[in-house]
Amino acid sequence: MSHLFRSKLVFNRNLYKKEIIKKKKMSTIAEELLVSLVDAELAAADFEQVEKDQDTDLKRNKRREKEVSKSSSSLKLRYIHKNLSLAKNEMDRLRDENSKRLLRNRKLSLVLDLDHTLLNSAGFSRITREEEYLNCKRDVLPEYLKSSLFRVHGSKRLVKLRPYVNTFLKEASKLYELHIYTMGGFLYSLEMAKLLDPGNIYFNSRIVSRDDSTRMFEKSLDVVLGKENATVILDDSESVWCKEHKENLIKIERYHFFAHSCKRFGVDHKSHSQLKSDENESEGALANSLKILQQIHTLFFDMGQKDSLEDRDLRKVLKSVRKEVVKGCKVVFSDEISD
């Protein structure tokens, strides 16, 4: 390995370390793994080869470039760092290391949609006359709205957090590493994440928006650090997910708080805001979803299989759970009930 190439690795490592110190909200997992990725390259270097002639160096670098190009095009992980791109083989290695770490800690990955799953939002201009009471000052709002309704001036919208969402995130984070994946834009995703996780406890930088997606108008797990065989998706829409990852999906009942949400999806009943009501906190969709996720976790880790954790496939667990009839459960699994 040439002195120049090694110097570049050292420079990149130090650059990432500076970014980590500078941007505290970056994902600790991603930080450690990215630094360890460069460290591994440095450790593998044969420092006695530093004096080798440029001709040998050129051949080695060309061979490395050929291997990288064979492994497919690079993936842009801008949600972790704005300039970060990894070749597919490097992404696979990063994902593999992250998965091993999670499994050692008895955790899986959980990818969460935002709108209609964890919250509901409507632009200021979409609020109907029937909903004008929502514009009152917080202290005169109905009690159930005081800590769950927000005015977001950046994106000019009202946002209502789904009942039970705080407990859901707290309990789910004990069993899963949480990711957000939304078809909304980058700034919107950050605004919503701040409402859901003001202390930056659950998501860190694991907030994927449509700007990060590798496919137009479609979600996929390509840019998520969780391995496919150990990742669950919770979303109100099956159609936005690519065919390869529908097996990972739990489809949850849509949350329609605002009248505009009902109108948009052709729902023929009044919204919660119009009825001045809300979902039942203890028996609503998120409460039932949490029970399902806890069941999945138990089946994956504690069913006494003799195979290694790394060889298990969460999609098989999901398939068996889909076959069960859970009385009163409002979670809708894909292919069972149409939109």
Protein backbone atom coordinates (compact mmCIF):
# COMPACT_ATOMS: atom_id res chain seq x y z
CA MET A 1 0.00 0.00 0.00
CA SER A 2 1.46 3.37 -0.98
CA HIS A 3 2.28 6.08 1.52
CA LEU A 4 -0.15 8.35 -0.34
CA PHE A 5 -3.05 5.86 -0.08
CA ARG A 6 -2.38 5.21 3.62
CA SER A 7 -2.22 8.97 4.29
CA LYS A 8 -5.61 9.32 2.61
CA LEU A 9 -7.10 6.67 4.88
CA VAL A 10 -5.64 8.36 7.97
CA PHE A 11 -6.99 11.71 6.77
CA ASN A 12 -10.47 10.26 6.17
CA ARG A 13 -10.47 8.61 9.60
CA ASN A 14 -9.53 11.88 11.32
CA LEU A 15 -12.09 13.75 9.24
CA TYR A 16 -14.89 11.42 10.37
CA LYS A 17 -13.73 11.74 13.99
CA LYS A 18 -13.92 15.54 13.75
CA GLU A 19 -17.42 15.29 12.25
CA ILE A 20 -18.48 12.96 15.05
CA ILE A 21 -17.32 15.43 17.71
CA LYS A 22 -18.84 18.34 15.81
CA LYS A 23 -22.24 16.71 15.12
CA LYS A 24 -23.41 15.00 18.28
CA LYS A 25 -26.68 13.91 16.71
CA MET A 26 -25.02 11.49 14.28
CA SER A 27 -25.75 7.82 14.93
CA THR A 28 -23.26 6.38 17.41
CA ILE A 29 -23.45 3.03 15.66
CA ALA A 30 -22.71 4.52 12.28
CA GLU A 31 -19.90 6.64 13.75
CA GLU A 32 -18.16 3.72 15.41
CA LEU A 33 -18.59 1.43 12.43
CA LEU A 34 -17.38 4.00 9.90
CA VAL A 35 -14.27 4.70 11.96
CA SER A 36 -13.70 0.97 12.51
CA LEU A 37 -14.11 0.43 8.77
CA VAL A 38 -11.21 2.78 8.06
CA ASP A 39 -9.26 1.35 11.01
CA ALA A 40 -9.62 -2.12 9.52
CA GLU A 41 -8.19 -0.87 6.26
CA LEU A 42 -5.23 0.66 8.10
CA ALA A 43 -4.65 -2.43 10.22
CA ALA A 44 -4.61 -4.61 7.12
CA ALA A 45 -2.02 -2.44 5.41
CA ASP A 46 1.48 -3.82 5.02
CA PHE A 47 3.55 -0.87 6.17
CA GLU A 48 6.76 -2.50 4.93
CA GLN A 49 5.46 -1.98 1.38
CA VAL A 50 5.51 1.81 1.66
CA GLU A 51 8.70 2.05 -0.38
CA LYS A 52 7.39 -0.08 -3.26
CA ASP A 53 7.59 1.60 -6.66
CA GLN A 54 4.66 3.57 -8.12
CA ASP A 55 4.11 0.97 -10.82
CA THR A 56 3.18 -1.71 -8.27
CA ASP A 57 0.96 0.77 -6.44
CA LEU A 58 -0.88 1.64 -9.61
CA LYS A 59 -1.61 -2.02 -10.36
CA ARG A 60 -2.94 -2.60 -6.85
CA ASN A 61 -5.20 0.44 -6.94
CA LYS A 62 -6.57 -0.54 -10.34
CA ARG A 63 -7.32 -4.03 -9.03
CA ARG A 64 -9.13 -2.53 -6.01
CA GLU A 65 -11.16 -0.20 -8.26
CA LYS A 66 -12.16 -3.17 -10.42
CA GLU A 67 -13.36 -5.13 -7.35
CA VAL A 68 -15.40 -2.15 -6.12
CA SER A 69 -17.02 -1.62 -9.52
CA LYS A 70 -17.97 -5.30 -9.67
CA SER A 71 -19.71 -5.00 -6.31
CA SER A 72 -22.24 -2.59 -7.85
CA SER A 73 -22.65 1.17 -7.60
CA SER A 74 -22.17 3.04 -4.36
CA LEU A 75 -24.96 3.89 -1.94
CA LYS A 76 -25.32 7.46 -0.71
CA LEU A 77 -25.94 7.60 3.03
CA ARG A 78 -26.59 11.31 3.30
CA TYR A 79 -28.80 10.87 6.35
CA ILE A 80 -25.68 9.73 8.25
CA HIS A 81 -23.32 12.26 6.68
CA LYS A 82 -23.97 14.55 3.73
CA ASN A 83 -20.85 13.42 1.82
CA LEU A 84 -20.91 9.74 2.73
CA SER A 85 -21.08 7.13 -0.05
CA LEU A 86 -20.23 3.45 0.30
CA ALA A 87 -19.74 0.73 -2.29
CA LYS A 88 -22.23 -2.11 -1.97
CA ASN A 89 -19.65 -4.51 -0.51
CA GLU A 90 -18.66 -1.92 2.10
CA MET A 91 -22.33 -1.29 2.93
CA ASP A 92 -22.86 -5.05 3.32
CA ARG A 93 -19.90 -5.23 5.69
CA LEU A 94 -21.17 -2.24 7.69
CA ARG A 95 -24.66 -3.74 7.85
CA ASP A 96 -23.27 -7.11 8.90
CA GLU A 97 -21.25 -5.60 11.76
CA ASN A 98 -24.24 -3.55 12.92
CA SER A 99 -26.49 -6.62 12.85
CA LYS A 100 -24.02 -8.68 14.90
CA ARG A 101 -23.84 -5.91 17.49
CA LEU A 102 -27.64 -5.71 17.71
CA LEU A 103 -28.07 -9.47 18.04
CA ARG A 104 -25.47 -9.59 20.84
CA ASN A 105 -27.67 -7.04 22.63
CA ARG A 106 -30.83 -9.04 21.85
CA LYS A 107 -32.13 -6.35 19.53
CA LEU A 108 -33.62 -6.28 16.03
CA SER A 109 -34.18 -3.35 13.64
CA LEU A 110 -37.52 -1.55 13.34
CA VAL A 111 -38.27 0.85 10.47
CA LEU A 112 -41.14 3.26 11.20
CA ASP A 113 -43.20 5.35 8.83
CA LEU A 114 -44.26 8.83 10.00
CA ASP A 115 -47.55 10.22 8.65
CA HIS A 116 -50.65 8.11 9.40
CA THR A 117 -48.46 5.70 11.42
CA LEU A 118 -46.89 7.69 14.27
CA LEU A 119 -48.67 11.00 13.66
CA ASN A 120 -50.98 12.91 11.34
CA SER A 121 -50.37 16.36 9.88
CA ALA A 122 -52.24 18.95 7.81
CA GLY A 123 -51.16 22.26 6.30
CA PHE A 124 -52.50 25.40 7.96
CA SER A 125 -54.55 26.13 4.83
CA ARG A 126 -56.19 22.67 5.01
CA ILE A 127 -57.80 23.22 8.41
CA THR A 128 -61.58 23.41 8.04
CA ARG A 129 -63.97 25.74 9.88
CA GLU A 130 -65.08 22.75 11.93
CA GLU A 131 -61.48 22.38 13.12
CA GLU A 132 -60.77 26.03 13.93
CA TYR A 133 -60.77 25.26 17.65
CA LEU A 134 -57.39 23.59 17.03
CA ASN A 135 -55.87 27.05 16.52
CA CYS A 136 -56.67 28.09 20.09
CA LYS A 137 -53.87 28.70 22.58
CA ARG A 138 -52.56 25.54 24.21
CA ASP A 139 -54.00 26.28 27.66
CA VAL A 140 -57.58 26.37 26.31
CA LEU A 141 -57.28 23.27 24.12
CA PRO A 142 -59.06 20.08 25.22
CA GLU A 143 -56.90 18.17 27.70
CA TYR A 144 -56.08 15.31 25.32
CA LEU A 145 -54.56 17.78 22.82
CA LYS A 146 -52.38 19.87 25.12
CA SER A 147 -49.33 17.61 24.87
CA SER A 148 -49.92 16.07 21.46
CA LEU A 149 -50.89 18.89 19.06
CA PHE A 150 -48.17 21.12 17.60
CA ARG A 151 -47.91 24.07 15.21
CA VAL A 152 -44.84 23.61 13.01
CA HIS A 153 -44.08 26.93 11.37
CA GLY A 154 -41.21 25.66 9.22
CA SER A 155 -43.46 23.42 7.13
CA LYS A 156 -46.59 25.45 7.98
CA ARG A 157 -48.69 22.63 9.34
CA LEU A 158 -50.49 21.30 12.38
CA VAL A 159 -49.15 18.00 13.66
CA LYS A 160 -51.02 15.59 15.93
CA LEU A 161 -49.04 12.79 17.57
CA ARG A 162 -50.85 9.47 17.65
CA PRO A 163 -52.11 8.33 21.07
CA TYR A 164 -49.66 6.02 22.88
CA VAL A 165 -46.75 7.05 20.62
CA ASN A 166 -44.48 8.06 23.52
CA THR A 167 -44.95 4.75 25.33
CA PHE A 168 -44.65 2.88 22.03
CA LEU A 169 -41.26 4.41 21.23
CA LYS A 170 -39.96 3.92 24.75
CA GLU A 171 -40.92 0.24 24.92
CA ALA A 172 -40.08 -0.62 21.31
CA SER A 173 -36.60 0.90 21.69
CA LYS A 174 -35.81 -1.69 24.38
CA LEU A 175 -36.17 -4.48 21.81
CA TYR A 176 -35.38 -2.78 18.50
CA GLU A 177 -33.05 -0.19 17.04
CA LEU A 178 -35.44 2.42 15.67
CA HIS A 179 -35.33 4.06 12.22
CA ILE A 180 -37.66 6.57 10.59
CA TYR A 181 -38.37 6.14 6.86
CA THR A 182 -40.73 8.64 5.28
CA MET A 183 -41.69 9.66 1.77
CA GLY A 184 -41.66 13.22 3.08
CA GLY A 185 -38.72 15.54 2.43
CA PHE A 186 -35.56 15.80 4.53
CA LEU A 187 -36.53 18.95 6.49
CA TYR A 188 -40.03 17.60 7.16
CA SER A 189 -38.57 14.34 8.50
CA LEU A 190 -36.26 16.22 10.87
CA GLU A 191 -39.13 18.41 12.13
CA MET A 192 -41.32 15.39 12.83
CA ALA A 193 -38.47 13.46 14.49
CA LYS A 194 -37.87 16.41 16.82
CA LEU A 195 -41.52 16.28 17.95
CA LEU A 196 -41.42 12.52 18.48
CA ASP A 197 -37.96 12.40 20.02
CA PRO A 198 -37.05 15.82 21.45
CA GLY A 199 -34.26 14.33 23.56
CA ASN A 200 -32.74 12.52 20.54
CA ILE A 201 -32.91 9.25 22.48
CA TYR A 202 -34.49 6.89 19.97
CA PHE A 203 -33.45 7.78 16.41
CA ASN A 204 -30.13 9.68 16.44
CA SER A 205 -29.34 10.14 12.72
CA ARG A 206 -31.37 7.12 11.58
CA ILE A 207 -33.92 9.33 9.79
CA VAL A 208 -34.39 8.38 6.13
CA SER A 209 -36.45 10.60 3.82
CA ARG A 210 -37.39 10.36 0.15
CA ASP A 211 -34.21 12.32 -0.61
CA ASP A 212 -32.18 9.33 0.61
CA SER A 213 -34.14 6.62 -1.19
CA THR A 214 -32.47 4.63 -3.97
CA ARG A 215 -35.76 4.30 -5.88
CA MET A 216 -38.21 6.85 -7.23
CA PHE A 217 -41.51 6.96 -5.31
CA GLU A 218 -40.67 3.73 -3.50
CA LYS A 219 -39.15 2.70 -0.19
CA SER A 220 -36.58 -0.05 0.20
CA LEU A 221 -34.20 -1.28 2.89
CA ASP A 222 -31.17 -0.61 0.66
CA VAL A 223 -30.03 2.38 2.72
CA VAL A 224 -31.03 1.00 6.15
CA LEU A 225 -28.29 -0.42 8.37
CA GLY A 226 -30.48 -3.32 9.52
CA LYS A 227 -30.16 -6.66 7.70
CA GLU A 228 -33.26 -7.82 5.85
CA ASN A 229 -33.53 -11.04 7.87
CA ALA A 230 -33.61 -9.06 11.14
CA THR A 231 -35.70 -5.98 10.25
CA VAL A 232 -39.41 -5.24 10.78
CA ILE A 233 -41.24 -2.44 8.95
CA LEU A 234 -44.29 -0.71 10.46
CA ASP A 235 -46.17 1.35 7.88
CA ASP A 236 -49.76 2.23 6.97
CA SER A 237 -49.07 1.65 3.27
CA GLU A 238 -47.92 -1.53 1.56
CA SER A 239 -47.81 -0.01 -1.93
CA VAL A 240 -44.90 2.34 -1.17
CA TRP A 241 -42.58 -0.58 -0.40
CA CYS A 242 -40.62 -2.44 -3.06
CA LYS A 243 -41.61 -6.01 -3.78
CA GLU A 244 -38.45 -7.49 -2.17
CA HIS A 245 -39.24 -6.04 1.25
CA LYS A 246 -42.99 -6.51 1.58
CA GLU A 247 -42.34 -9.67 3.60
CA ASN A 248 -40.83 -7.47 6.33
CA LEU A 249 -43.96 -5.34 6.60
CA ILE A 250 -46.58 -5.02 9.30
CA LYS A 251 -49.33 -2.82 7.91
CA ILE A 252 -50.96 -0.66 10.56
CA GLU A 253 -54.38 1.00 10.43
CA ARG A 254 -54.12 4.58 9.18
CA TYR A 255 -54.43 7.39 11.71
CA HIS A 256 -56.86 10.04 10.42
CA PHE A 257 -56.94 12.87 12.92
CA PHE A 258 -57.51 15.74 10.49
CA ALA A 259 -60.46 16.15 8.10
CA HIS A 260 -58.09 16.64 5.17
CA SER A 261 -56.58 13.21 5.83
CA CYS A 262 -59.99 11.54 5.56
CA LYS A 263 -60.78 13.48 2.37
CA ARG A 264 -57.45 12.56 0.80
CA PHE A 265 -57.98 8.83 1.30
CA GLY A 266 -61.72 8.84 0.53
CA VAL A 267 -62.73 7.88 4.08
CA ASP A 268 -66.51 8.27 4.39
CA HIS A 269 -66.67 9.17 8.07
CA LYS A 270 -65.68 12.24 10.05
CA SER A 271 -62.16 12.61 11.38
CA HIS A 272 -61.20 12.59 15.05
CA SER A 273 -60.72 16.36 14.96
CA GLN A 274 -64.25 16.88 13.65
CA LEU A 275 -65.68 14.54 16.27
CA LYS A 276 -63.47 16.08 18.97
CA SER A 277 -62.29 12.61 19.90
CA ASP A 278 -59.18 10.45 19.51
CA GLU A 279 -58.04 6.83 19.34
CA ASN A 280 -58.20 4.82 22.55
CA GLU A 281 -54.70 5.02 24.01
CA SER A 282 -54.55 1.57 25.59
CA GLU A 283 -56.44 -0.27 22.84
CA GLY A 284 -55.45 1.72 19.78
CA ALA A 285 -53.30 0.70 16.81
CA LEU A 286 -49.93 1.54 18.36
CA ALA A 287 -50.70 -0.30 21.60
CA ASN A 288 -51.66 -3.38 19.61
CA SER A 289 -48.67 -3.00 17.30
CA LEU A 290 -46.36 -2.97 20.31
CA LYS A 291 -47.83 -6.28 21.48
CA ILE A 292 -47.19 -7.77 18.05
CA LEU A 293 -43.60 -6.47 18.02
CA GLN A 294 -42.97 -7.89 21.49
CA GLN A 295 -44.34 -11.24 20.32
CA ILE A 296 -42.10 -11.19 17.24
CA HIS A 297 -39.06 -10.42 19.38
CA THR A 298 -39.84 -13.30 21.74
CA LEU A 299 -40.38 -15.76 18.89
CA PHE A 300 -37.12 -14.74 17.26
CA PHE A 301 -34.90 -14.94 20.35
CA ASP A 302 -36.56 -17.29 22.83
CA MET A 303 -38.09 -20.22 21.00
CA GLY A 304 -35.14 -22.52 21.72
CA GLN A 305 -33.91 -22.93 18.15
CA LYS A 306 -30.55 -24.61 17.86
CA ASP A 307 -29.36 -22.50 14.93
CA SER A 308 -27.30 -19.35 15.46
CA LEU A 309 -29.06 -15.98 15.74
CA GLU A 310 -27.36 -14.76 12.58
CA ASP A 311 -28.91 -17.63 10.58
CA ARG A 312 -32.48 -16.94 11.72
CA ASP A 313 -34.91 -15.13 9.45
CA LEU A 314 -37.39 -12.70 10.96
CA ARG A 315 -39.56 -12.95 7.84
CA LYS A 316 -40.42 -16.54 8.78
CA VAL A 317 -41.52 -15.32 12.21
CA LEU A 318 -43.65 -12.60 10.60
CA LYS A 319 -45.26 -15.17 8.33
CA SER A 320 -46.28 -17.31 11.30
CA VAL A 321 -47.59 -14.28 13.21
CA ARG A 322 -49.71 -13.23 10.23
CA LYS A 323 -51.53 -16.53 10.43
CA GLU A 324 -52.69 -15.87 13.97
CA VAL A 325 -55.95 -14.17 14.70
CA VAL A 326 -55.40 -11.57 17.40
CA LYS A 327 -58.75 -10.66 18.90
CA GLY A 328 -59.42 -6.93 18.82
CA CYS A 329 -56.11 -6.15 17.16
CA LYS A 330 -56.27 -3.16 14.85
CA VAL A 331 -53.00 -3.95 13.12
CA VAL A 332 -53.61 -4.83 9.48
CA PHE A 333 -51.11 -7.22 7.95
CA SER A 334 -50.34 -6.95 4.25
CA ASP A 335 -52.47 -8.96 1.82
CA GLU A 336 -55.18 -9.60 4.44
CA ILE A 337 -57.28 -6.49 4.03
CA SER A 338 -57.19 -4.13 1.09
CA ASP A 339 -56.99 -0.35 1.47
